[in-house]
Amino acid sequence: TKTAAITVGEWGGQMSGSDEVWMNAFANYLVEIDAQDNWFWCVNPDSGDTGGLLENDWKTPVIPKLDLLQFVQPNPTKVSSMNNNRIICV
């Protein structure tokens, strides 16, 4: 059997309608094929076609998207900032 490493360059969308259906199906597929390491688009809320991980105030997280990402990758790499003790998941 042949194996290869893969990574998804980027994925994301709105948490409504067909985008939400697709994102849930894709998240399940990533888990099924053990491809949890990926790149989600995007953080900023003003991405017209996908929205972001943050609401329009740039502070409030979009919890359904974060829950979906936690399902896909329950143990993300965490990087701690030495300056202000904030944790950034990568």
PDB file of N, CA and C in Angstrom:
ATOM      1  N   THR A   1       0.844  -1.192   0.000  1.00  0.00           N
ATOM      2  CA  THR A   1       0.000   0.000   0.000  1.00  0.00           C
ATOM      3  C   THR A   1       0.879   1.242   0.000  1.00  0.00           C
ATOM      4  N   LYS A   2       0.461   2.233  -0.743  1.00  0.00           N
ATOM      5  CA  LYS A   2       1.208   3.493  -0.827  1.00  0.00           C
ATOM      6  C   LYS A   2       0.583   4.497   0.121  1.00  0.00           C
ATOM      7  N   THR A   3       1.418   5.292   0.759  1.00  0.00           N
ATOM      8  CA  THR A   3       0.927   6.350   1.630  1.00  0.00           C
ATOM      9  C   THR A   3       1.631   7.648   1.265  1.00  0.00           C
ATOM     10  N   ALA A   4       0.983   8.744   1.579  1.00  0.00           N
ATOM     11  CA  ALA A   4       1.566  10.051   1.309  1.00  0.00           C
ATOM     12  C   ALA A   4       1.034  11.038   2.333  1.00  0.00           C
ATOM     13  N   ALA A   5       1.845  12.007   2.640  1.00  0.00           N
ATOM     14  CA  ALA A   5       1.409  13.082   3.532  1.00  0.00           C
ATOM     15  C   ALA A   5       0.632  14.103   2.711  1.00  0.00           C
ATOM     16  N   ILE A   6      -0.455  14.596   3.284  1.00  0.00           N
ATOM     17  CA  ILE A   6      -1.218  15.651   2.622  1.00  0.00           C
ATOM     18  C   ILE A   6      -1.553  16.726   3.640  1.00  0.00           C
ATOM     19  N   THR A   7      -1.791  17.913   3.147  1.00  0.00           N
ATOM     20  CA  THR A   7      -2.347  18.978   3.974  1.00  0.00           C
ATOM     21  C   THR A   7      -3.330  19.761   3.116  1.00  0.00           C
ATOM     22  N   VAL A   8      -4.399  20.189   3.731  1.00  0.00           N
ATOM     23  CA  VAL A   8      -5.379  21.010   3.030  1.00  0.00           C
ATOM     24  C   VAL A   8      -4.889  22.444   3.089  1.00  0.00           C
ATOM     25  N   GLY A   9      -4.716  23.058   1.947  1.00  0.00           N
ATOM     26  CA  GLY A   9      -4.187  24.417   1.885  1.00  0.00           C
ATOM     27  C   GLY A   9      -5.041  25.428   2.618  1.00  0.00           C
ATOM     28  N   GLU A  10      -6.336  25.382   2.410  1.00  0.00           N
ATOM     29  CA  GLU A  10      -7.243  26.250   3.160  1.00  0.00           C
ATOM     30  C   GLU A  10      -8.666  25.778   2.912  1.00  0.00           C
ATOM     31  N   TRP A  11      -9.486  25.992   3.918  1.00  0.00           N
ATOM     32  CA  TRP A  11     -10.914  25.703   3.777  1.00  0.00           C
ATOM     33  C   TRP A  11     -11.676  26.560   4.753  1.00  0.00           C
ATOM     34  N   GLY A  12     -12.931  26.779   4.495  1.00  0.00           N
ATOM     35  CA  GLY A  12     -13.747  27.591   5.380  1.00  0.00           C
ATOM     36  C   GLY A  12     -15.011  28.025   4.671  1.00  0.00           C
ATOM     37  N   GLY A  13     -15.860  28.698   5.379  1.00  0.00           N
ATOM     38  CA  GLY A  13     -17.105  29.164   4.802  1.00  0.00           C
ATOM     39  C   GLY A  13     -18.008  29.734   5.874  1.00  0.00           C
ATOM     40  N   GLN A  14     -19.207  30.103   5.459  1.00  0.00           N
ATOM     41  CA  GLN A  14     -20.207  30.599   6.391  1.00  0.00           C
ATOM     42  C   GLN A  14     -20.819  29.425   7.142  1.00  0.00           C
ATOM     43  N   MET A  15     -21.224  29.648   8.382  1.00  0.00           N
ATOM     44  CA  MET A  15     -21.873  28.592   9.159  1.00  0.00           C
ATOM     45  C   MET A  15     -23.385  28.662   8.961  1.00  0.00           C
ATOM     46  N   SER A  16     -23.783  28.557   7.692  1.00  0.00           N
ATOM     47  CA  SER A  16     -25.208  28.544   7.359  1.00  0.00           C
ATOM     48  C   SER A  16     -25.373  27.919   5.978  1.00  0.00           C
ATOM     49  N   GLY A  17     -26.566  27.408   5.730  1.00  0.00           N
ATOM     50  CA  GLY A  17     -26.908  26.891   4.410  1.00  0.00           C
ATOM     51  C   GLY A  17     -25.985  25.807   3.911  1.00  0.00           C
ATOM     52  N   SER A  18     -25.757  25.818   2.615  1.00  0.00           N
ATOM     53  CA  SER A  18     -24.941  24.768   1.992  1.00  0.00           C
ATOM     54  C   SER A  18     -23.483  24.835   2.433  1.00  0.00           C
ATOM     55  N   ASP A  19     -22.972  26.026   2.762  1.00  0.00           N
ATOM     56  CA  ASP A  19     -21.598  26.124   3.289  1.00  0.00           C
ATOM     57  C   ASP A  19     -21.455  25.317   4.577  1.00  0.00           C
ATOM     58  N   GLU A  20     -22.415  25.451   5.468  1.00  0.00           N
ATOM     59  CA  GLU A  20     -22.348  24.725   6.739  1.00  0.00           C
ATOM     60  C   GLU A  20     -22.438  23.218   6.514  1.00  0.00           C
ATOM     61  N   VAL A  21     -23.312  22.797   5.624  1.00  0.00           N
ATOM     62  CA  VAL A  21     -23.435  21.370   5.308  1.00  0.00           C
ATOM     63  C   VAL A  21     -22.101  20.846   4.774  1.00  0.00           C
ATOM     64  N   TRP A  22     -21.502  21.598   3.828  1.00  0.00           N
ATOM     65  CA  TRP A  22     -20.230  21.186   3.245  1.00  0.00           C
ATOM     66  C   TRP A  22     -19.122  21.154   4.298  1.00  0.00           C
ATOM     67  N   MET A  23     -19.053  22.190   5.135  1.00  0.00           N
ATOM     68  CA  MET A  23     -17.975  22.245   6.134  1.00  0.00           C
ATOM     69  C   MET A  23     -18.088  21.093   7.123  1.00  0.00           C
ATOM     70  N   ASN A  24     -19.295  20.757   7.554  1.00  0.00           N
ATOM     71  CA  ASN A  24     -19.457  19.627   8.466  1.00  0.00           C
ATOM     72  C   ASN A  24     -19.046  18.319   7.799  1.00  0.00           C
ATOM     73  N   ALA A  25     -19.437  18.132   6.537  1.00  0.00           N
ATOM     74  CA  ALA A  25     -19.058  16.921   5.805  1.00  0.00           C
ATOM     75  C   ALA A  25     -17.545  16.868   5.608  1.00  0.00           C
ATOM     76  N   PHE A  26     -16.943  18.001   5.275  1.00  0.00           N
ATOM     77  CA  PHE A  26     -15.492  18.032   5.055  1.00  0.00           C
ATOM     78  C   PHE A  26     -14.738  17.778   6.351  1.00  0.00           C
ATOM     79  N   ALA A  27     -15.209  18.344   7.450  1.00  0.00           N
ATOM     80  CA  ALA A  27     -14.582  18.110   8.757  1.00  0.00           C
ATOM     81  C   ALA A  27     -14.624  16.621   9.097  1.00  0.00           C
ATOM     82  N   ASN A  28     -15.747  15.985   8.880  1.00  0.00           N
ATOM     83  CA  ASN A  28     -15.848  14.546   9.125  1.00  0.00           C
ATOM     84  C   ASN A  28     -14.880  13.767   8.251  1.00  0.00           C
ATOM     85  N   TYR A  29     -14.755  14.173   6.992  1.00  0.00           N
ATOM     86  CA  TYR A  29     -13.820  13.521   6.073  1.00  0.00           C
ATOM     87  C   TYR A  29     -12.379  13.675   6.550  1.00  0.00           C
ATOM     88  N   LEU A  30     -11.996  14.877   6.970  1.00  0.00           N
ATOM     89  CA  LEU A  30     -10.631  15.094   7.464  1.00  0.00           C
ATOM     90  C   LEU A  30     -10.321  14.182   8.643  1.00  0.00           C
ATOM     91  N   VAL A  31     -11.267  14.049   9.560  1.00  0.00           N
ATOM     92  CA  VAL A  31     -11.065  13.171  10.713  1.00  0.00           C
ATOM     93  C   VAL A  31     -10.985  11.716  10.255  1.00  0.00           C
ATOM     94  N   GLU A  32     -11.878  11.341   9.346  1.00  0.00           N
ATOM     95  CA  GLU A  32     -11.928   9.965   8.845  1.00  0.00           C
ATOM     96  C   GLU A  32     -10.615   9.531   8.206  1.00  0.00           C
ATOM     97  N   ILE A  33      -9.981  10.429   7.445  1.00  0.00           N
ATOM     98  CA  ILE A  33      -8.727  10.065   6.774  1.00  0.00           C
ATOM     99  C   ILE A  33      -7.496  10.452   7.594  1.00  0.00           C
ATOM    100  N   ASP A  34      -7.714  10.880   8.840  1.00  0.00           N
ATOM    101  CA  ASP A  34      -6.626  11.248   9.744  1.00  0.00           C
ATOM    102  C   ASP A  34      -5.776  12.386   9.166  1.00  0.00           C
ATOM    103  N   ALA A  35      -6.458  13.413   8.693  1.00  0.00           N
ATOM    104  CA  ALA A  35      -5.784  14.584   8.125  1.00  0.00           C
ATOM    105  C   ALA A  35      -6.189  15.830   8.908  1.00  0.00           C
ATOM    106  N   GLN A  36      -5.997  15.793  10.208  1.00  0.00           N
ATOM    107  CA  GLN A  36      -6.438  16.889  11.060  1.00  0.00           C
ATOM    108  C   GLN A  36      -5.603  18.147  10.931  1.00  0.00           C
ATOM    109  N   ASP A  37      -4.394  18.048  10.418  1.00  0.00           N
ATOM    110  CA  ASP A  37      -3.558  19.231  10.263  1.00  0.00           C
ATOM    111  C   ASP A  37      -3.952  19.932   8.968  1.00  0.00           C
ATOM    112  N   ASN A  38      -4.424  21.164   9.074  1.00  0.00           N
ATOM    113  CA  ASN A  38      -4.936  21.870   7.916  1.00  0.00           C
ATOM    114  C   ASN A  38      -4.914  23.368   8.181  1.00  0.00           C
ATOM    115  N   TRP A  39      -5.335  24.135   7.205  1.00  0.00           N
ATOM    116  CA  TRP A  39      -5.340  25.591   7.291  1.00  0.00           C
ATOM    117  C   TRP A  39      -6.766  26.075   7.087  1.00  0.00           C
ATOM    118  N   PHE A  40      -7.312  26.762   8.067  1.00  0.00           N
ATOM    119  CA  PHE A  40      -8.683  27.258   7.986  1.00  0.00           C
ATOM    120  C   PHE A  40      -8.684  28.713   7.557  1.00  0.00           C
ATOM    121  N   TRP A  41      -9.600  29.063   6.643  1.00  0.00           N
ATOM    122  CA  TRP A  41      -9.716  30.427   6.150  1.00  0.00           C
ATOM    123  C   TRP A  41     -11.000  31.022   6.671  1.00  0.00           C
ATOM    124  N   CYS A  42     -10.987  32.015   7.313  1.00  0.00           N
ATOM    125  CA  CYS A  42      -9.932  32.933   7.689  1.00  0.00           C
ATOM    126  C   CYS A  42     -10.253  33.492   9.075  1.00  0.00           C
ATOM    127  N   VAL A  43      -9.375  34.277   9.640  1.00  0.00           N
ATOM    128  CA  VAL A  43      -9.590  34.886  10.954  1.00  0.00           C
ATOM    129  C   VAL A  43     -10.470  36.125  10.823  1.00  0.00           C
ATOM    130  N   ASN A  44     -10.176  36.971   9.854  1.00  0.00           N
ATOM    131  CA  ASN A  44     -10.868  38.260   9.752  1.00  0.00           C
ATOM    132  C   ASN A  44     -12.323  38.104   9.317  1.00  0.00           C
ATOM    133  N   PRO A  45     -13.212  38.880   9.939  1.00  0.00           N
ATOM    134  CA  PRO A  45     -14.644  38.763   9.664  1.00  0.00           C
ATOM    135  C   PRO A  45     -15.088  39.376   8.335  1.00  0.00           C
ATOM    136  N   ASP A  46     -14.245  40.171   7.708  1.00  0.00           N
ATOM    137  CA  ASP A  46     -14.673  40.868   6.500  1.00  0.00           C
ATOM    138  C   ASP A  46     -14.349  40.125   5.205  1.00  0.00           C
ATOM    139  N   SER A  47     -14.096  38.831   5.311  1.00  0.00           N
ATOM    140  CA  SER A  47     -13.930  38.017   4.116  1.00  0.00           C
ATOM    141  C   SER A  47     -15.328  37.692   3.598  1.00  0.00           C
ATOM    142  N   GLY A  48     -15.711  38.309   2.518  1.00  0.00           N
ATOM    143  CA  GLY A  48     -17.078  38.248   2.036  1.00  0.00           C
ATOM    144  C   GLY A  48     -17.606  36.862   1.746  1.00  0.00           C
ATOM    145  N   ASP A  49     -16.786  35.978   1.219  1.00  0.00           N
ATOM    146  CA  ASP A  49     -17.294  34.661   0.846  1.00  0.00           C
ATOM    147  C   ASP A  49     -17.247  33.642   1.974  1.00  0.00           C
ATOM    148  N   THR A  50     -16.431  33.872   3.003  1.00  0.00           N
ATOM    149  CA  THR A  50     -16.306  32.871   4.065  1.00  0.00           C
ATOM    150  C   THR A  50     -16.631  33.386   5.455  1.00  0.00           C
ATOM    151  N   GLY A  51     -16.620  34.715   5.640  1.00  0.00           N
ATOM    152  CA  GLY A  51     -16.676  35.202   7.013  1.00  0.00           C
ATOM    153  C   GLY A  51     -15.385  34.811   7.704  1.00  0.00           C
ATOM    154  N   GLY A  52     -15.292  35.000   8.986  1.00  0.00           N
ATOM    155  CA  GLY A  52     -14.054  34.667   9.679  1.00  0.00           C
ATOM    156  C   GLY A  52     -14.309  33.919  10.956  1.00  0.00           C
ATOM    157  N   LEU A  53     -13.235  33.720  11.706  1.00  0.00           N
ATOM    158  CA  LEU A  53     -13.335  33.116  13.030  1.00  0.00           C
ATOM    159  C   LEU A  53     -13.749  34.142  14.068  1.00  0.00           C
ATOM    160  N   LEU A  54     -13.744  35.416  13.667  1.00  0.00           N
ATOM    161  CA  LEU A  54     -14.163  36.503  14.559  1.00  0.00           C
ATOM    162  C   LEU A  54     -15.392  37.193  13.984  1.00  0.00           C
ATOM    163  N   GLU A  55     -16.250  37.679  14.887  1.00  0.00           N
ATOM    164  CA  GLU A  55     -17.420  38.460  14.475  1.00  0.00           C
ATOM    165  C   GLU A  55     -16.961  39.842  14.010  1.00  0.00           C
ATOM    166  N   ASN A  56     -17.887  40.647  13.526  1.00  0.00           N
ATOM    167  CA  ASN A  56     -17.554  41.954  12.952  1.00  0.00           C
ATOM    168  C   ASN A  56     -16.882  42.923  13.928  1.00  0.00           C
ATOM    169  N   ASP A  57     -16.980  42.682  15.235  1.00  0.00           N
ATOM    170  CA  ASP A  57     -16.299  43.552  16.198  1.00  0.00           C
ATOM    171  C   ASP A  57     -14.809  43.208  16.331  1.00  0.00           C
ATOM    172  N   TRP A  58     -14.356  42.186  15.642  1.00  0.00           N
ATOM    173  CA  TRP A  58     -12.971  41.723  15.652  1.00  0.00           C
ATOM    174  C   TRP A  58     -12.528  41.191  17.015  1.00  0.00           C
ATOM    175  N   LYS A  59     -13.451  40.938  17.922  1.00  0.00           N
ATOM    176  CA  LYS A  59     -13.115  40.440  19.262  1.00  0.00           C
ATOM    177  C   LYS A  59     -13.865  39.162  19.599  1.00  0.00           C
ATOM    178  N   THR A  60     -15.116  39.081  19.199  1.00  0.00           N
ATOM    179  CA  THR A  60     -15.982  37.975  19.584  1.00  0.00           C
ATOM    180  C   THR A  60     -15.757  36.785  18.657  1.00  0.00           C
ATOM    181  N   PRO A  61     -15.399  35.626  19.222  1.00  0.00           N
ATOM    182  CA  PRO A  61     -15.187  34.450  18.384  1.00  0.00           C
ATOM    183  C   PRO A  61     -16.504  33.888  17.840  1.00  0.00           C
ATOM    184  N   VAL A  62     -16.438  33.287  16.668  1.00  0.00           N
ATOM    185  CA  VAL A  62     -17.573  32.589  16.079  1.00  0.00           C
ATOM    186  C   VAL A  62     -17.517  31.152  16.612  1.00  0.00           C
ATOM    187  N   ILE A  63     -18.230  30.909  17.685  1.00  0.00           N
ATOM    188  CA  ILE A  63     -18.138  29.648  18.423  1.00  0.00           C
ATOM    189  C   ILE A  63     -18.437  28.417  17.564  1.00  0.00           C
ATOM    190  N   PRO A  64     -19.458  28.419  16.706  1.00  0.00           N
ATOM    191  CA  PRO A  64     -19.686  27.214  15.902  1.00  0.00           C
ATOM    192  C   PRO A  64     -18.486  26.823  15.033  1.00  0.00           C
ATOM    193  N   LYS A  65     -17.774  27.813  14.510  1.00  0.00           N
ATOM    194  CA  LYS A  65     -16.579  27.501  13.713  1.00  0.00           C
ATOM    195  C   LYS A  65     -15.470  26.950  14.601  1.00  0.00           C
ATOM    196  N   LEU A  66     -15.280  27.553  15.772  1.00  0.00           N
ATOM    197  CA  LEU A  66     -14.247  27.056  16.681  1.00  0.00           C
ATOM    198  C   LEU A  66     -14.578  25.652  17.169  1.00  0.00           C
ATOM    199  N   ASP A  67     -15.856  25.376  17.410  1.00  0.00           N
ATOM    200  CA  ASP A  67     -16.259  24.022  17.801  1.00  0.00           C
ATOM    201  C   ASP A  67     -15.953  23.027  16.695  1.00  0.00           C
ATOM    202  N   LEU A  68     -16.216  23.414  15.449  1.00  0.00           N
ATOM    203  CA  LEU A  68     -15.924  22.544  14.317  1.00  0.00           C
ATOM    204  C   LEU A  68     -14.426  22.278  14.220  1.00  0.00           C
ATOM    205  N   LEU A  69     -13.624  23.321  14.387  1.00  0.00           N
ATOM    206  CA  LEU A  69     -12.170  23.146  14.323  1.00  0.00           C
ATOM    207  C   LEU A  69     -11.658  22.296  15.478  1.00  0.00           C
ATOM    208  N   GLN A  70     -12.276  22.416  16.642  1.00  0.00           N
ATOM    209  CA  GLN A  70     -11.867  21.581  17.768  1.00  0.00           C
ATOM    210  C   GLN A  70     -12.199  20.112  17.502  1.00  0.00           C
ATOM    211  N   PHE A  71     -13.301  19.852  16.811  1.00  0.00           N
ATOM    212  CA  PHE A  71     -13.639  18.490  16.416  1.00  0.00           C
ATOM    213  C   PHE A  71     -12.573  17.934  15.475  1.00  0.00           C
ATOM    214  N   VAL A  72     -12.148  18.752  14.508  1.00  0.00           N
ATOM    215  CA  VAL A  72     -11.154  18.314  13.531  1.00  0.00           C
ATOM    216  C   VAL A  72      -9.791  18.132  14.185  1.00  0.00           C
ATOM    217  N   GLN A  73      -9.393  19.095  15.010  1.00  0.00           N
ATOM    218  CA  GLN A  73      -8.066  19.042  15.643  1.00  0.00           C
ATOM    219  C   GLN A  73      -8.220  19.370  17.118  1.00  0.00           C
ATOM    220  N   PRO A  74      -8.486  18.323  17.948  1.00  0.00           N
ATOM    221  CA  PRO A  74      -8.708  18.572  19.371  1.00  0.00           C
ATOM    222  C   PRO A  74      -7.443  18.961  20.143  1.00  0.00           C
ATOM    223  N   ASN A  75      -6.278  18.744  19.554  1.00  0.00           N
ATOM    224  CA  ASN A  75      -5.018  19.047  20.240  1.00  0.00           C
ATOM    225  C   ASN A  75      -4.102  19.892  19.357  1.00  0.00           C
ATOM    226  N   PRO A  76      -4.490  21.155  19.093  1.00  0.00           N
ATOM    227  CA  PRO A  76      -3.644  21.976  18.228  1.00  0.00           C
ATOM    228  C   PRO A  76      -2.329  22.342  18.907  1.00  0.00           C
ATOM    229  N   THR A  77      -1.367  22.659  18.083  1.00  0.00           N
ATOM    230  CA  THR A  77      -0.113  23.171  18.601  1.00  0.00           C
ATOM    231  C   THR A  77      -0.391  24.506  19.273  1.00  0.00           C
ATOM    232  N   LYS A  78       0.181  24.727  20.439  1.00  0.00           N
ATOM    233  CA  LYS A  78      -0.029  25.987  21.154  1.00  0.00           C
ATOM    234  C   LYS A  78       1.309  26.695  21.330  1.00  0.00           C
ATOM    235  N   VAL A  79       1.308  27.958  21.029  1.00  0.00           N
ATOM    236  CA  VAL A  79       2.493  28.784  21.162  1.00  0.00           C
ATOM    237  C   VAL A  79       2.174  29.872  22.173  1.00  0.00           C
ATOM    238  N   SER A  80       2.974  30.003  23.204  1.00  0.00           N
ATOM    239  CA  SER A  80       2.751  31.027  24.218  1.00  0.00           C
ATOM    240  C   SER A  80       3.601  32.249  23.923  1.00  0.00           C
ATOM    241  N   SER A  81       2.982  33.402  24.030  1.00  0.00           N
ATOM    242  CA  SER A  81       3.698  34.647  23.864  1.00  0.00           C
ATOM    243  C   SER A  81       4.377  34.996  25.185  1.00  0.00           C
ATOM    244  N   MET A  82       5.626  35.306  25.128  1.00  0.00           N
ATOM    245  CA  MET A  82       6.378  35.631  26.339  1.00  0.00           C
ATOM    246  C   MET A  82       5.982  37.010  26.884  1.00  0.00           C
ATOM    247  N   ASN A  83       5.485  37.895  26.017  1.00  0.00           N
ATOM    248  CA  ASN A  83       5.231  39.280  26.423  1.00  0.00           C
ATOM    249  C   ASN A  83       3.955  39.474  27.207  1.00  0.00           C
ATOM    250  N   ASN A  84       2.890  38.772  26.837  1.00  0.00           N
ATOM    251  CA  ASN A  84       1.615  39.041  27.509  1.00  0.00           C
ATOM    252  C   ASN A  84       0.883  37.778  27.946  1.00  0.00           C
ATOM    253  N   ASN A  85       1.576  36.660  27.969  1.00  0.00           N
ATOM    254  CA  ASN A  85       1.039  35.383  28.426  1.00  0.00           C
ATOM    255  C   ASN A  85      -0.212  34.926  27.687  1.00  0.00           C
ATOM    256  N   ARG A  86      -0.394  35.344  26.460  1.00  0.00           N
ATOM    257  CA  ARG A  86      -1.501  34.885  25.642  1.00  0.00           C
ATOM    258  C   ARG A  86      -1.092  33.601  24.926  1.00  0.00           C
ATOM    259  N   ILE A  87      -2.054  32.743  24.674  1.00  0.00           N
ATOM    260  CA  ILE A  87      -1.787  31.510  23.965  1.00  0.00           C
ATOM    261  C   ILE A  87      -2.372  31.628  22.560  1.00  0.00           C
ATOM    262  N   ILE A  88      -1.579  31.286  21.577  1.00  0.00           N
ATOM    263  CA  ILE A  88      -1.995  31.311  20.184  1.00  0.00           C
ATOM    264  C   ILE A  88      -1.953  29.872  19.686  1.00  0.00           C
ATOM    265  N   CYS A  89      -3.059  29.375  19.143  1.00  0.00           N
ATOM    266  CA  CYS A  89      -3.083  28.033  18.575  1.00  0.00           C
ATOM    267  C   CYS A  89      -2.687  28.121  17.128  1.00  0.00           C
ATOM    268  N   VAL A  90      -1.800  27.245  16.722  1.00  0.00           N
ATOM    269  CA  VAL A  90      -1.314  27.235  15.350  1.00  0.00           C
ATOM    270  C   VAL A  90      -1.628  25.900  14.722  1.00  0.00           C
TER     271      VAL A  90
END
